[in-house]
Amino acid sequence: MSPSRLHEDVKKRIARLLELFALERGVRVQGYGSMTLRHAPKERGLEPDECYVVGPPQTEGFPDLAIEVSVTSGGIDKLEVYRGFGVREVWIWVEGRILVYALTSAGYVERTASEVVPGIDLAVLARFAEEPDQHESALAYRALLRDEC
């Protein structure tokens, strides 16, 4: 099934805002979009809506952060698949909120803040991701970030 326009719009807004935050705060993130993650021996695979490595670029391995946009319910338990890849954190956008799941030895645990991208206010980011104009949203978010300094 192809992603809807709403799905693609929301995922692109979140990505742009995260990258803007990273630039403004000096957090090194490497975006890898929706690259296919595979683990052949375990027959696992999926494509996040967006994914990032925090720090310098990597030529192999799995991302630190995966972002999923949930416009409809159902589907596979992606958290379980991400656990198999060792993805440190998964953000899931649902109905205007971003839920954060951090990987622990017992699996993913919901958190109130990101550990992978410290200092980012995901409630604020989610609010700006709801704006209808991506460009205006990015400008307003950047202004807010600069006012906070």
N, C-alpha and C. Protein backbone atom coordinates (compact mmCIF):
# COMPACT_ATOMS: atom_id res chain seq x y z
N MET A 1 0.84 -1.18 0.00
CA MET A 1 0.00 0.00 0.00
C MET A 1 0.89 1.24 0.00
N SER A 2 0.57 2.21 -0.84
CA SER A 2 1.34 3.45 -0.93
C SER A 2 0.99 4.38 0.21
N PRO A 3 1.99 5.11 0.72
CA PRO A 3 1.70 6.08 1.77
C PRO A 3 0.81 7.21 1.24
N SER A 4 -0.05 7.73 2.09
CA SER A 4 -0.93 8.81 1.70
C SER A 4 -0.19 10.14 1.69
N ARG A 5 -0.80 11.12 1.08
CA ARG A 5 -0.22 12.47 1.06
C ARG A 5 -0.06 13.00 2.49
N LEU A 6 -1.05 12.77 3.36
CA LEU A 6 -0.96 13.21 4.75
C LEU A 6 0.24 12.56 5.43
N HIS A 7 0.40 11.26 5.25
CA HIS A 7 1.52 10.54 5.85
C HIS A 7 2.85 11.15 5.41
N GLU A 8 3.02 11.33 4.11
CA GLU A 8 4.27 11.86 3.57
C GLU A 8 4.50 13.30 4.02
N ASP A 9 3.44 14.08 4.10
CA ASP A 9 3.55 15.48 4.53
C ASP A 9 4.02 15.55 5.98
N VAL A 10 3.42 14.77 6.85
CA VAL A 10 3.78 14.78 8.27
C VAL A 10 5.21 14.29 8.46
N LYS A 11 5.58 13.21 7.80
CA LYS A 11 6.94 12.69 7.98
C LYS A 11 7.98 13.67 7.49
N LYS A 12 7.69 14.37 6.40
CA LYS A 12 8.63 15.36 5.87
C LYS A 12 8.75 16.55 6.81
N ARG A 13 7.64 16.98 7.39
CA ARG A 13 7.68 18.11 8.34
C ARG A 13 8.51 17.75 9.57
N ILE A 14 8.27 16.57 10.11
CA ILE A 14 9.03 16.14 11.30
C ILE A 14 10.51 16.10 10.97
N ALA A 15 10.86 15.53 9.82
CA ALA A 15 12.26 15.44 9.41
C ALA A 15 12.89 16.82 9.27
N ARG A 16 12.19 17.73 8.59
CA ARG A 16 12.73 19.08 8.42
C ARG A 16 12.92 19.78 9.75
N LEU A 17 11.98 19.63 10.65
CA LEU A 17 12.07 20.30 11.94
C LEU A 17 13.17 19.69 12.80
N LEU A 18 13.30 18.38 12.80
CA LEU A 18 14.38 17.73 13.54
C LEU A 18 15.73 18.20 13.00
N GLU A 19 15.88 18.23 11.69
CA GLU A 19 17.14 18.65 11.10
C GLU A 19 17.44 20.11 11.39
N LEU A 20 16.40 20.92 11.43
CA LEU A 20 16.56 22.34 11.78
C LEU A 20 17.01 22.47 13.23
N PHE A 21 16.39 21.71 14.13
CA PHE A 21 16.80 21.71 15.53
C PHE A 21 18.27 21.32 15.64
N ALA A 22 18.66 20.26 14.94
CA ALA A 22 20.03 19.78 14.99
C ALA A 22 21.02 20.85 14.51
N LEU A 23 20.69 21.53 13.43
CA LEU A 23 21.56 22.59 12.93
C LEU A 23 21.68 23.74 13.92
N GLU A 24 20.56 24.15 14.47
CA GLU A 24 20.55 25.28 15.41
C GLU A 24 21.23 24.95 16.73
N ARG A 25 21.19 23.69 17.15
CA ARG A 25 21.75 23.31 18.45
C ARG A 25 23.10 22.59 18.35
N GLY A 26 23.60 22.44 17.14
CA GLY A 26 24.90 21.81 16.96
C GLY A 26 24.92 20.32 17.21
N VAL A 27 23.80 19.66 16.98
CA VAL A 27 23.71 18.21 17.13
C VAL A 27 23.98 17.59 15.76
N ARG A 28 24.99 16.75 15.69
CA ARG A 28 25.32 16.11 14.41
C ARG A 28 24.36 14.97 14.15
N VAL A 29 23.55 15.12 13.12
CA VAL A 29 22.67 14.03 12.69
C VAL A 29 22.92 13.75 11.21
N GLN A 30 22.87 12.49 10.88
CA GLN A 30 23.02 12.05 9.51
C GLN A 30 21.70 11.40 9.12
N GLY A 31 20.98 12.01 8.17
CA GLY A 31 19.69 11.48 7.75
C GLY A 31 19.84 10.43 6.67
N TYR A 32 19.12 9.34 6.83
CA TYR A 32 19.16 8.27 5.84
C TYR A 32 17.77 7.94 5.31
N GLY A 33 16.82 8.87 5.50
CA GLY A 33 15.49 8.71 4.92
C GLY A 33 14.81 7.41 5.31
N SER A 34 14.26 6.75 4.32
CA SER A 34 13.53 5.50 4.58
C SER A 34 14.31 4.31 4.05
N MET A 35 15.63 4.31 4.31
CA MET A 35 16.45 3.20 3.83
C MET A 35 15.93 1.86 4.37
N THR A 36 16.08 0.84 3.60
CA THR A 36 15.63 -0.49 4.01
C THR A 36 16.61 -1.07 5.03
N LEU A 37 16.07 -1.47 6.17
CA LEU A 37 16.86 -2.13 7.20
C LEU A 37 16.61 -3.62 7.07
N ARG A 38 17.69 -4.39 6.96
CA ARG A 38 17.56 -5.84 6.81
C ARG A 38 18.52 -6.53 7.76
N HIS A 39 18.05 -7.66 8.24
CA HIS A 39 18.88 -8.53 9.06
C HIS A 39 18.60 -9.94 8.56
N ALA A 40 19.33 -10.31 7.52
CA ALA A 40 19.06 -11.57 6.81
C ALA A 40 19.02 -12.81 7.70
N PRO A 41 19.99 -13.01 8.61
CA PRO A 41 19.94 -14.24 9.41
C PRO A 41 18.64 -14.38 10.21
N LYS A 42 18.08 -13.25 10.63
CA LYS A 42 16.85 -13.31 11.42
C LYS A 42 15.61 -13.07 10.56
N GLU A 43 15.82 -12.87 9.26
CA GLU A 43 14.73 -12.63 8.33
C GLU A 43 13.85 -11.47 8.76
N ARG A 44 14.50 -10.39 9.17
CA ARG A 44 13.78 -9.18 9.56
C ARG A 44 14.05 -8.10 8.53
N GLY A 45 13.09 -7.23 8.38
CA GLY A 45 13.30 -6.10 7.49
C GLY A 45 12.14 -5.13 7.57
N LEU A 46 12.45 -3.87 7.40
CA LEU A 46 11.43 -2.83 7.32
C LEU A 46 12.06 -1.54 6.85
N GLU A 47 11.23 -0.58 6.52
CA GLU A 47 11.69 0.74 6.11
C GLU A 47 11.05 1.77 7.03
N PRO A 48 11.85 2.46 7.85
CA PRO A 48 11.29 3.52 8.67
C PRO A 48 10.83 4.67 7.77
N ASP A 49 9.98 5.52 8.29
CA ASP A 49 9.59 6.69 7.51
C ASP A 49 10.78 7.64 7.36
N GLU A 50 11.56 7.79 8.42
CA GLU A 50 12.80 8.54 8.42
C GLU A 50 13.72 7.87 9.43
N CYS A 51 15.03 7.97 9.22
CA CYS A 51 15.95 7.44 10.22
C CYS A 51 17.23 8.26 10.23
N TYR A 52 17.90 8.24 11.37
CA TYR A 52 19.08 9.07 11.58
C TYR A 52 20.13 8.34 12.39
N VAL A 53 21.37 8.65 12.09
CA VAL A 53 22.50 8.31 12.95
C VAL A 53 22.89 9.62 13.62
N VAL A 54 23.10 9.59 14.92
CA VAL A 54 23.54 10.77 15.65
C VAL A 54 25.05 10.67 15.77
N GLY A 55 25.75 11.66 15.24
CA GLY A 55 27.21 11.66 15.22
C GLY A 55 27.71 11.66 13.79
N PRO A 56 28.95 11.21 13.60
CA PRO A 56 29.52 11.22 12.25
C PRO A 56 28.84 10.20 11.33
N PRO A 57 28.99 10.40 10.00
CA PRO A 57 28.39 9.45 9.05
C PRO A 57 28.92 8.04 9.26
N GLN A 58 28.09 7.06 8.93
CA GLN A 58 28.48 5.66 9.02
C GLN A 58 28.24 5.00 7.67
N THR A 59 29.10 4.08 7.32
CA THR A 59 28.92 3.37 6.06
C THR A 59 28.18 2.06 6.24
N GLU A 60 28.02 1.63 7.49
CA GLU A 60 27.26 0.41 7.76
C GLU A 60 26.65 0.50 9.15
N GLY A 61 25.83 -0.48 9.48
CA GLY A 61 25.16 -0.49 10.78
C GLY A 61 23.75 0.07 10.67
N PHE A 62 23.11 0.14 11.82
CA PHE A 62 21.72 0.57 11.87
C PHE A 62 21.61 1.96 12.50
N PRO A 63 20.52 2.66 12.23
CA PRO A 63 20.38 4.02 12.76
C PRO A 63 20.18 4.04 14.28
N ASP A 64 20.43 5.21 14.85
CA ASP A 64 20.16 5.44 16.27
C ASP A 64 18.70 5.78 16.50
N LEU A 65 18.09 6.42 15.52
CA LEU A 65 16.73 6.93 15.65
C LEU A 65 15.92 6.56 14.42
N ALA A 66 14.73 6.03 14.64
CA ALA A 66 13.77 5.78 13.56
C ALA A 66 12.51 6.56 13.87
N ILE A 67 11.92 7.13 12.84
CA ILE A 67 10.67 7.89 12.99
C ILE A 67 9.59 7.21 12.18
N GLU A 68 8.47 6.99 12.83
CA GLU A 68 7.31 6.38 12.18
C GLU A 68 6.12 7.33 12.30
N VAL A 69 5.38 7.46 11.22
CA VAL A 69 4.15 8.26 11.21
C VAL A 69 2.99 7.29 11.08
N SER A 70 2.12 7.29 12.08
CA SER A 70 0.98 6.38 12.09
C SER A 70 -0.30 7.15 11.78
N VAL A 71 -0.76 7.02 10.55
CA VAL A 71 -2.00 7.67 10.13
C VAL A 71 -3.17 6.72 10.30
N THR A 72 -2.90 5.42 10.13
CA THR A 72 -3.91 4.39 10.32
C THR A 72 -3.41 3.41 11.37
N SER A 73 -4.30 2.66 11.94
CA SER A 73 -3.88 1.69 12.96
C SER A 73 -3.66 0.33 12.31
N GLY A 74 -3.06 -0.56 13.09
CA GLY A 74 -2.85 -1.91 12.59
C GLY A 74 -1.44 -2.09 12.06
N GLY A 75 -1.19 -3.22 11.44
CA GLY A 75 0.11 -3.50 10.87
C GLY A 75 0.97 -4.32 11.81
N ILE A 76 2.23 -4.49 11.41
CA ILE A 76 3.15 -5.31 12.19
C ILE A 76 3.63 -4.55 13.42
N ASP A 77 4.14 -5.28 14.38
CA ASP A 77 4.72 -4.67 15.57
C ASP A 77 6.12 -4.21 15.21
N LYS A 78 6.22 -2.97 14.74
CA LYS A 78 7.50 -2.45 14.27
C LYS A 78 8.51 -2.32 15.40
N LEU A 79 8.06 -2.03 16.60
CA LEU A 79 9.00 -1.91 17.71
C LEU A 79 9.78 -3.21 17.91
N GLU A 80 9.12 -4.32 17.76
CA GLU A 80 9.80 -5.60 17.92
C GLU A 80 10.86 -5.79 16.83
N VAL A 81 10.55 -5.36 15.62
CA VAL A 81 11.53 -5.47 14.53
C VAL A 81 12.69 -4.51 14.78
N TYR A 82 12.38 -3.27 15.19
CA TYR A 82 13.46 -2.32 15.49
C TYR A 82 14.35 -2.83 16.62
N ARG A 83 13.77 -3.51 17.59
CA ARG A 83 14.55 -4.08 18.69
C ARG A 83 15.59 -5.05 18.14
N GLY A 84 15.20 -5.83 17.16
CA GLY A 84 16.13 -6.78 16.56
C GLY A 84 17.30 -6.10 15.86
N PHE A 85 17.11 -4.87 15.42
CA PHE A 85 18.19 -4.11 14.79
C PHE A 85 19.00 -3.30 15.80
N GLY A 86 18.49 -3.20 17.02
CA GLY A 86 19.20 -2.41 18.03
C GLY A 86 19.05 -0.91 17.86
N VAL A 87 17.97 -0.47 17.21
CA VAL A 87 17.72 0.96 17.05
C VAL A 87 17.45 1.56 18.43
N ARG A 88 18.27 2.53 18.83
CA ARG A 88 18.24 3.04 20.20
C ARG A 88 16.93 3.73 20.57
N GLU A 89 16.29 4.39 19.59
CA GLU A 89 15.07 5.13 19.92
C GLU A 89 14.16 5.17 18.70
N VAL A 90 12.86 5.09 18.97
CA VAL A 90 11.84 5.18 17.92
C VAL A 90 10.85 6.25 18.33
N TRP A 91 10.59 7.19 17.42
CA TRP A 91 9.55 8.20 17.63
C TRP A 91 8.38 7.79 16.76
N ILE A 92 7.19 7.80 17.35
CA ILE A 92 5.98 7.48 16.58
C ILE A 92 5.02 8.65 16.70
N TRP A 93 4.71 9.24 15.54
CA TRP A 93 3.73 10.33 15.49
C TRP A 93 2.36 9.70 15.38
N VAL A 94 1.48 10.05 16.31
CA VAL A 94 0.10 9.56 16.31
C VAL A 94 -0.81 10.72 16.69
N GLU A 95 -1.72 11.06 15.80
CA GLU A 95 -2.73 12.08 16.09
C GLU A 95 -2.15 13.35 16.71
N GLY A 96 -1.09 13.87 16.11
CA GLY A 96 -0.53 15.14 16.54
C GLY A 96 0.42 15.07 17.72
N ARG A 97 0.75 13.87 18.18
CA ARG A 97 1.71 13.70 19.28
C ARG A 97 2.86 12.82 18.82
N ILE A 98 4.01 13.04 19.42
CA ILE A 98 5.16 12.19 19.14
C ILE A 98 5.45 11.39 20.39
N LEU A 99 5.31 10.08 20.28
CA LEU A 99 5.61 9.17 21.38
C LEU A 99 7.05 8.70 21.23
N VAL A 100 7.78 8.63 22.33
CA VAL A 100 9.20 8.26 22.32
C VAL A 100 9.36 6.90 22.98
N TYR A 101 10.02 5.99 22.27
CA TYR A 101 10.30 4.66 22.81
C TYR A 101 11.82 4.46 22.80
N ALA A 102 12.38 4.23 23.98
CA ALA A 102 13.82 4.01 24.13
C ALA A 102 14.09 2.53 24.34
N LEU A 103 15.13 2.04 23.68
CA LEU A 103 15.50 0.63 23.79
C LEU A 103 16.21 0.37 25.12
N THR A 104 15.72 -0.62 25.84
CA THR A 104 16.36 -1.08 27.08
C THR A 104 16.63 -2.57 26.93
N SER A 105 17.26 -3.15 27.92
CA SER A 105 17.53 -4.59 27.86
C SER A 105 16.24 -5.41 27.84
N ALA A 106 15.15 -4.82 28.32
CA ALA A 106 13.86 -5.52 28.36
C ALA A 106 12.99 -5.19 27.14
N GLY A 107 13.49 -4.40 26.21
CA GLY A 107 12.70 -3.98 25.06
C GLY A 107 12.49 -2.48 25.09
N TYR A 108 11.52 -2.01 24.33
CA TYR A 108 11.27 -0.57 24.28
C TYR A 108 10.39 -0.14 25.44
N VAL A 109 10.76 1.02 25.99
CA VAL A 109 10.03 1.62 27.09
C VAL A 109 9.67 3.04 26.67
N GLU A 110 8.40 3.41 26.88
CA GLU A 110 7.99 4.76 26.52
C GLU A 110 8.63 5.76 27.48
N ARG A 111 9.14 6.84 26.91
CA ARG A 111 9.80 7.90 27.67
C ARG A 111 9.08 9.22 27.42
N THR A 112 9.34 10.19 28.27
CA THR A 112 8.74 11.52 28.09
C THR A 112 9.64 12.43 27.27
N ALA A 113 10.89 12.06 27.06
CA ALA A 113 11.83 12.89 26.31
C ALA A 113 12.81 12.00 25.55
N SER A 114 13.42 12.58 24.53
CA SER A 114 14.41 11.86 23.74
C SER A 114 15.74 11.82 24.47
N GLU A 115 16.37 10.67 24.45
CA GLU A 115 17.74 10.53 24.96
C GLU A 115 18.73 10.63 23.81
N VAL A 116 18.30 10.30 22.62
CA VAL A 116 19.17 10.32 21.44
C VAL A 116 19.39 11.75 20.94
N VAL A 117 18.36 12.58 21.04
CA VAL A 117 18.46 13.99 20.65
C VAL A 117 18.11 14.82 21.89
N PRO A 118 19.08 14.97 22.80
CA PRO A 118 18.78 15.67 24.05
C PRO A 118 18.41 17.13 23.83
N GLY A 119 17.46 17.58 24.64
CA GLY A 119 17.06 18.98 24.61
C GLY A 119 15.92 19.29 23.66
N ILE A 120 15.56 18.38 22.79
CA ILE A 120 14.48 18.66 21.85
C ILE A 120 13.15 18.50 22.56
N ASP A 121 12.29 19.47 22.41
CA ASP A 121 10.95 19.42 22.98
C ASP A 121 10.02 18.86 21.91
N LEU A 122 9.67 17.60 22.05
CA LEU A 122 8.88 16.93 21.00
C LEU A 122 7.44 17.40 20.97
N ALA A 123 6.91 17.91 22.07
CA ALA A 123 5.56 18.47 22.04
C ALA A 123 5.54 19.73 21.17
N VAL A 124 6.57 20.54 21.29
CA VAL A 124 6.67 21.75 20.46
C VAL A 124 6.89 21.36 19.01
N LEU A 125 7.80 20.41 18.77
CA LEU A 125 8.05 19.96 17.41
C LEU A 125 6.76 19.43 16.78
N ALA A 126 6.01 18.64 17.52
CA ALA A 126 4.75 18.09 17.00
C ALA A 126 3.76 19.20 16.67
N ARG A 127 3.74 20.23 17.49
CA ARG A 127 2.83 21.36 17.23
C ARG A 127 3.20 22.04 15.91
N PHE A 128 4.48 22.27 15.68
CA PHE A 128 4.91 22.89 14.43
C PHE A 128 4.71 21.95 13.24
N ALA A 129 4.79 20.66 13.47
CA ALA A 129 4.57 19.69 12.40
C ALA A 129 3.11 19.66 11.95
N GLU A 130 2.23 20.21 12.74
CA GLU A 130 0.80 20.26 12.39
C GLU A 130 0.46 21.45 11.50
N GLU A 131 1.38 22.41 11.38
CA GLU A 131 1.11 23.60 10.56
C GLU A 131 0.95 23.19 9.10
N PRO A 132 0.03 23.84 8.37
CA PRO A 132 -0.25 23.41 6.99
C PRO A 132 0.84 23.74 5.97
N ASP A 133 1.70 24.74 6.26
CA ASP A 133 2.71 25.16 5.29
C ASP A 133 4.09 24.78 5.83
N GLN A 134 4.76 23.85 5.17
CA GLN A 134 6.07 23.37 5.64
C GLN A 134 7.08 24.50 5.77
N HIS A 135 7.12 25.37 4.79
CA HIS A 135 8.09 26.47 4.80
C HIS A 135 7.84 27.42 5.97
N GLU A 136 6.60 27.84 6.13
CA GLU A 136 6.27 28.76 7.22
C GLU A 136 6.49 28.11 8.58
N SER A 137 6.19 26.83 8.66
CA SER A 137 6.40 26.09 9.90
C SER A 137 7.88 26.07 10.28
N ALA A 138 8.74 25.80 9.29
CA ALA A 138 10.18 25.76 9.55
C ALA A 138 10.71 27.13 9.95
N LEU A 139 10.23 28.17 9.31
CA LEU A 139 10.67 29.53 9.68
C LEU A 139 10.25 29.87 11.11
N ALA A 140 9.02 29.55 11.45
CA ALA A 140 8.53 29.86 12.81
C ALA A 140 9.27 29.03 13.86
N TYR A 141 9.53 27.77 13.56
CA TYR A 141 10.26 26.91 14.51
C TYR A 141 11.69 27.42 14.69
N ARG A 142 12.33 27.81 13.59
CA ARG A 142 13.69 28.36 13.69
C ARG A 142 13.71 29.63 14.54
N ALA A 143 12.72 30.50 14.33
CA ALA A 143 12.65 31.72 15.13
C ALA A 143 12.50 31.39 16.61
N LEU A 144 11.66 30.42 16.93
CA LEU A 144 11.49 30.01 18.33
C LEU A 144 12.79 29.48 18.91
N LEU A 145 13.49 28.64 18.16
CA LEU A 145 14.76 28.08 18.63
C LEU A 145 15.79 29.17 18.86
N ARG A 146 15.82 30.15 17.99
CA ARG A 146 16.78 31.24 18.15
C ARG A 146 16.42 32.15 19.31
N ASP A 147 15.13 32.32 19.56
CA ASP A 147 14.69 33.13 20.71
C ASP A 147 15.05 32.47 22.03
N GLU A 148 15.11 31.13 22.06
CA GLU A 148 15.42 30.39 23.27
C GLU A 148 16.88 30.50 23.66
N CYS A 149 17.75 30.87 22.73
CA CYS A 149 19.20 30.95 23.02
C CYS A 149 19.57 32.19 23.80
